[in-house]
Each structure stands twice: as structure tokens, then as C-alpha cells.
Amino acid sequence: MSAYFSMLLGDDGIEMDLNEAKRYIIMACNQKHIDSLELYGNMFYEGTIFDIDKKESAYYLKIAIDLGSINAMLYYGIMRFRGEGIEMNKEEGIKYIKKSADSGNKDSMIFYTCILINGDGIEKNKKEAKRYLKLVGEIDETYLDINVNTFIHSNKKDLFLPRMIQNWLNFKSSYIFNKR
């Protein structure tokens, strides 16, 4: 069903049919297909294909999490952490983000590192932040470099961004220097 959904979005030369695509992904979600629940939730979170709807996103992501999705935990955790579409609960948001990070999700590791560096919602822990940063670098150093810039540019509205950028760059420099 996911493949057909993807084709209806204009992939593989098939004419785009958003209503039919939505119908198919909802059918897959109703059958508790984890990948479809994640995809649908993320589409509402990011506003790709469908308009941004954080409440709808949270609903589908939470179902995916309850079925065992580690990847859905990042977006849901961010929504909880920031109060986007659902009640803000930084402690619960951090719990989801950390669980996803501990399961190897690189985006979650980067986000959790920034939380640790800034002590936003939890006590600052530079040692633990450095450990997560090193984990991301060990998994994929290029990914680390690319996502530092992506993370910084996609979070321009965050109030803690200037401090986060400086802290991040300090950690990144320290990581590269200590790696040699």
C-alpha cells in the first residue's frame, strides 16, 4: 500500500492524485502499518503534501510509537518538548527524544545533544552531550557535518539558537580536535 501511495504522489510517471493517495495511506494507518503511521504523521508535522496540522501529526505519531516505532519518537518528542499541537511537557518530550537517540536515531542524537548542551528542560550535562556527539560522528561523520548546518538553519525561530550554535560549534571543534 505504501508503494502505491508513493506512486500516487507522482513518482514513477503516474499522474498525481492526492485524494487517492490520502485514501490509501489512511487505509494503511487504519491497519496499523507503522511506516504509514510515521509517514502520515510526519507529513502533517512538516506540511509536505498536506497542510501542517500538529494535532493530527501527534495523533498518528503516538499510535506509531505505541506500536513500537522508534523513529516516530523524535517528532513526537519535539512536539511534546515545544508544545506544538499538544500540551507542552518538556520532561516527557525529552524522554521520547532520548529513547529514540539511544536506539540509534542520528537526528534524535543531534537534537538530544543540543538539549544537553543548553540544559533546556534538564540539567546541563556537557560530558553526556559530548558522548552523544561522538556517537553521531562515529556512525557517520559526514552526516554530523551536514546536520549541524541543517539543524541550525531549520531552528532559526528558537530563542536559544545563538547560544546553541556557539555551544555546538565548540563541541564540534573539540570533537574533531580530540579525535586526532
Protein backbone atom coordinates (compact mmCIF):
# COMPACT_ATOMS: atom_id res chain seq x y z
CA MET A 1 0.00 0.00 0.00
CA SER A 2 2.85 2.42 0.78
CA ALA A 3 4.35 1.87 -2.67
CA TYR A 4 1.04 2.65 -4.34
CA PHE A 5 0.66 5.73 -2.12
CA SER A 6 4.10 6.87 -3.24
CA MET A 7 3.23 6.33 -6.89
CA LEU A 8 0.07 8.42 -6.48
CA LEU A 9 2.25 11.32 -5.37
CA GLY A 10 3.66 11.47 -8.87
CA ASP A 11 6.54 9.02 -8.56
CA ASP A 12 7.15 6.52 -11.36
CA GLY A 13 5.40 8.62 -14.00
CA ILE A 14 1.89 8.05 -12.65
CA GLU A 15 -0.39 11.08 -12.60
CA MET A 16 -0.56 12.67 -9.15
CA ASP A 17 -3.80 12.03 -7.28
CA LEU A 18 -3.61 13.43 -3.74
CA ASN A 19 -7.12 12.39 -2.78
CA GLU A 20 -6.46 8.79 -3.78
CA ALA A 21 -3.04 8.89 -2.10
CA LYS A 22 -4.63 10.15 1.11
CA ARG A 23 -7.29 7.44 0.94
CA TYR A 24 -4.62 4.73 0.63
CA ILE A 25 -2.39 5.98 3.39
CA ILE A 26 -5.38 6.31 5.73
CA MET A 27 -6.29 2.70 4.91
CA ALA A 28 -2.74 1.66 5.79
CA CYS A 29 -2.87 3.69 9.01
CA ASN A 30 -6.19 2.08 9.95
CA GLN A 31 -4.47 -1.30 9.53
CA LYS A 32 -1.79 -0.11 11.99
CA HIS A 33 1.01 -0.12 9.40
CA ILE A 34 3.84 1.52 11.36
CA ASP A 35 5.69 3.02 8.37
CA SER A 36 2.46 4.57 7.08
CA LEU A 37 1.62 5.98 10.50
CA GLU A 38 5.10 7.55 10.72
CA LEU A 39 4.90 8.91 7.18
CA TYR A 40 1.42 10.34 7.61
CA GLY A 41 2.30 11.88 10.97
CA ASN A 42 5.49 13.40 9.54
CA MET A 43 3.62 14.79 6.54
CA PHE A 44 1.32 16.71 8.86
CA TYR A 45 4.26 17.80 11.00
CA GLU A 46 6.33 19.13 8.09
CA GLY A 47 3.49 20.26 5.85
CA THR A 48 4.60 18.10 2.95
CA ILE A 49 1.69 17.12 0.70
CA PHE A 50 -0.87 18.11 3.37
CA ASP A 51 -1.17 21.34 5.37
CA ILE A 52 0.67 21.46 8.68
CA ASP A 53 -1.55 20.07 11.42
CA LYS A 54 0.42 19.34 14.59
CA LYS A 55 -2.55 17.78 16.43
CA GLU A 56 -3.12 15.35 13.58
CA SER A 57 0.60 14.67 13.42
CA ALA A 58 0.78 13.91 17.15
CA TYR A 59 -2.19 11.56 16.91
CA TYR A 60 -0.64 9.38 14.20
CA LEU A 61 2.89 9.52 15.60
CA LYS A 62 1.68 8.42 19.04
CA ILE A 63 -0.08 5.41 17.52
CA ALA A 64 3.16 4.50 15.71
CA ILE A 65 5.10 4.84 18.98
CA ASP A 66 2.59 2.63 20.81
CA LEU A 67 3.18 0.01 18.10
CA GLY A 68 6.95 0.18 18.64
CA SER A 69 8.21 2.88 16.27
CA ILE A 70 11.49 4.38 17.40
CA ASN A 71 11.62 6.92 14.54
CA ALA A 72 8.24 8.48 15.40
CA MET A 73 9.58 9.24 18.88
CA LEU A 74 11.74 12.12 17.64
CA TYR A 75 8.93 14.16 16.08
CA TYR A 76 6.50 13.34 18.87
CA GLY A 77 9.16 14.16 21.45
CA ILE A 78 9.89 17.51 19.80
CA MET A 79 6.17 18.30 19.73
CA ARG A 80 5.86 17.48 23.44
CA PHE A 81 9.07 19.37 24.23
CA ARG A 82 7.91 22.53 22.41
CA GLY A 83 4.15 22.21 22.92
CA GLU A 84 3.45 22.04 19.20
CA GLY A 85 -0.14 20.92 18.70
CA ILE A 86 -0.16 19.11 22.03
CA GLU A 87 0.37 20.15 25.62
CA MET A 88 3.96 21.12 26.37
CA ASN A 89 5.72 18.66 28.63
CA LYS A 90 9.49 19.04 28.31
CA GLU A 91 10.24 16.11 30.59
CA GLU A 92 8.08 13.73 28.56
CA GLY A 93 9.38 15.18 25.28
CA ILE A 94 12.97 14.62 26.38
CA LYS A 95 12.12 11.06 27.39
CA TYR A 96 10.93 10.27 23.84
CA ILE A 97 13.85 12.06 22.18
CA LYS A 98 16.38 10.26 24.40
CA LYS A 99 14.79 6.86 23.82
CA SER A 100 14.99 7.43 20.07
CA ALA A 101 18.60 8.64 20.39
CA ASP A 102 19.54 5.62 22.49
CA SER A 103 18.08 3.39 19.77
CA GLY A 104 20.47 4.85 17.20
CA ASN A 105 18.39 7.55 15.50
CA LYS A 106 21.03 10.09 14.42
CA ASP A 107 18.62 13.05 14.23
CA SER A 108 17.50 12.29 17.77
CA MET A 109 21.11 12.13 18.92
CA ILE A 110 21.77 15.58 17.47
CA PHE A 111 18.64 17.09 19.00
CA TYR A 112 19.31 15.45 22.37
CA THR A 113 22.90 16.73 22.29
CA CYS A 114 21.60 20.30 21.91
CA ILE A 115 19.19 19.80 24.82
CA LEU A 116 22.06 18.56 26.98
CA ILE A 117 24.36 21.40 25.93
CA ASN A 118 21.76 24.05 26.76
CA GLY A 119 20.20 22.38 29.78
CA ASP A 120 16.77 23.09 28.36
CA GLY A 121 14.32 21.09 30.45
CA ILE A 122 17.08 19.05 32.08
CA GLU A 123 20.32 19.74 33.85
CA LYS A 124 23.20 20.72 31.56
CA ASN A 125 25.48 17.79 31.00
CA LYS A 126 28.42 18.57 28.73
CA LYS A 127 30.03 15.18 29.30
CA GLU A 128 26.89 13.35 28.18
CA ALA A 129 26.40 15.79 25.28
CA LYS A 130 29.91 15.09 24.09
CA ARG A 131 29.27 11.34 24.28
CA TYR A 132 26.20 11.65 22.02
CA LEU A 133 28.06 13.93 19.63
CA LYS A 134 30.86 11.37 19.37
CA LEU A 135 28.31 8.60 18.76
CA VAL A 136 26.86 10.51 15.81
CA GLY A 137 30.36 11.22 14.47
CA GLU A 138 31.36 7.57 14.81
CA ILE A 139 28.23 6.42 13.00
CA ASP A 140 28.59 8.90 10.16
CA GLU A 141 30.90 11.94 10.32
CA THR A 142 29.55 13.41 7.06
CA TYR A 143 26.02 13.15 8.44
CA LEU A 144 27.18 15.02 11.53
CA ASP A 145 28.66 17.86 9.45
CA ILE A 146 25.61 18.18 7.19
CA ASN A 147 23.10 18.01 10.01
CA VAL A 148 24.80 20.58 12.20
CA ASN A 149 24.08 23.10 9.43
CA THR A 150 20.60 21.73 8.73
CA PHE A 151 19.67 21.78 12.40
CA ILE A 152 20.94 25.31 12.85
CA HIS A 153 19.11 26.66 9.78
CA SER A 154 15.82 24.86 10.48
CA ASN A 155 15.58 26.16 14.03
CA LYS A 156 16.05 29.89 13.45
CA LYS A 157 12.94 30.71 15.49
CA ASP A 158 14.24 29.06 18.66
CA LEU A 159 15.14 31.55 21.37
CA PHE A 160 18.16 29.53 22.49
CA LEU A 161 19.63 29.28 18.98
CA PRO A 162 22.55 31.76 19.24
CA ARG A 163 23.79 30.11 22.42
CA MET A 164 23.11 26.65 20.96
CA ILE A 165 25.13 27.45 17.81
CA GLN A 166 28.12 28.62 19.80
CA ASN A 167 27.96 25.64 22.14
CA TRP A 168 27.51 23.27 19.22
CA LEU A 169 30.48 24.67 17.33
CA ASN A 170 32.61 24.48 20.47
CA PHE A 171 31.68 20.83 20.92
CA LYS A 172 32.19 20.08 17.22
CA SER A 173 35.64 21.68 17.30
CA SER A 174 36.50 19.82 20.49
CA TYR A 175 35.29 16.53 18.97
CA ILE A 176 37.40 16.95 15.81
CA PHE A 177 40.45 18.09 17.78
CA ASN A 178 40.20 15.21 20.28
CA LYS A 179 39.61 12.66 17.53
CA ARG A 180 43.06 13.20 16.05
